[in-house]
Protein backbone atom coordinates (compact mmCIF):
# COMPACT_ATOMS: atom_id res chain seq x y z
CA MET A 1 -10.64 27.55 -6.63
CA SER A 2 -11.65 23.93 -7.01
CA PRO A 3 -13.42 22.01 -4.23
CA ASP A 4 -10.51 19.55 -4.04
CA LEU A 5 -8.05 22.33 -3.31
CA GLY A 6 -10.39 23.64 -0.63
CA ARG A 7 -10.47 20.23 1.06
CA VAL A 8 -6.70 19.97 0.97
CA LEU A 9 -6.33 23.42 2.52
CA ILE A 10 -8.79 22.55 5.28
CA VAL A 11 -6.96 19.31 6.10
CA VAL A 12 -3.54 20.94 6.04
CA GLY A 13 -4.78 23.81 8.20
CA THR A 14 -6.33 21.41 10.70
CA LEU A 15 -3.10 19.41 10.91
CA ILE A 16 -1.09 22.58 11.50
CA VAL A 17 -3.46 23.64 14.28
CA ILE A 18 -3.24 20.20 15.91
CA LEU A 19 0.57 20.25 15.75
CA GLY A 20 0.63 23.77 17.15
CA VAL A 21 -1.63 22.87 20.09
CA THR A 22 0.44 19.79 20.92
CA SER A 23 3.66 21.80 20.83
CA VAL A 24 2.21 24.52 23.07
CA LEU A 25 0.99 21.92 25.56
CA GLY A 26 4.37 20.20 25.48
CA ILE A 27 2.97 16.88 24.30
CA ARG A 28 5.56 14.78 22.53
CA LEU A 29 4.44 13.17 19.31
CA PRO A 30 4.99 9.41 19.02
CA PHE A 31 7.51 9.85 16.20
CA GLY A 32 11.24 9.74 16.54
CA ARG A 33 13.42 7.06 18.06
CA LEU A 34 11.48 4.29 16.34
CA PRO A 35 13.28 1.04 15.50
CA GLY A 36 15.09 1.70 12.23
CA ASP A 37 15.89 5.34 12.96
CA ILE A 38 19.61 6.02 12.94
CA ALA A 39 21.14 7.91 15.87
CA ILE A 40 24.87 8.54 15.99
CA GLU A 41 26.24 10.30 19.06
CA GLY A 42 29.82 11.40 19.46
CA ARG A 43 31.87 13.66 21.65
CA ASN A 44 31.47 16.70 19.39
CA GLY A 45 27.84 16.31 18.36
CA SER A 46 25.12 13.98 17.27
CA LEU A 47 23.33 12.98 14.10
CA PHE A 48 19.76 11.68 13.93
CA ILE A 49 18.31 10.25 10.69
CA PRO A 50 14.60 9.37 11.15
CA ILE A 51 14.22 6.83 8.33
CA THR A 52 11.41 4.76 9.88
CA SER A 53 9.60 7.83 11.22
CA MET A 54 9.55 9.40 7.76
CA LEU A 55 8.25 6.16 6.22
CA VAL A 56 5.37 6.16 8.72
CA VAL A 57 4.59 9.82 7.98
CA SER A 58 4.74 9.13 4.24
CA VAL A 59 2.28 6.22 4.47
CA VAL A 60 -0.15 8.26 6.58
CA LEU A 61 -0.01 11.22 4.20
CA SER A 62 -0.45 8.92 1.20
CA VAL A 63 -3.57 7.39 2.74
CA ILE A 64 -4.98 10.84 3.51
CA ALA A 65 -4.25 12.05 -0.03
CA THR A 66 -5.86 8.94 -1.53
CA ILE A 67 -9.00 9.47 0.53
CA LEU A 68 -9.19 13.17 -0.34
CA PHE A 69 -8.60 12.80 -4.08
CA ARG A 70 -10.68 9.67 -4.67
CA ARG A 71 -13.22 10.21 -7.44
């Protein structure tokens, strides 16, 4: 295994642990219902499309990946 893969696995594992702890404690993450997210509610159901939330997550993950794989 390469050292880069080891770093990625450590970061991913740490993020999973952090998400697990926050979900067990009932802490809501600050994502969802941001301006730009689409929420359609009707009588028979609802539809939520988190466009802005996914853009924020994508930027954060891109920055982390850039830092990890910088040579």
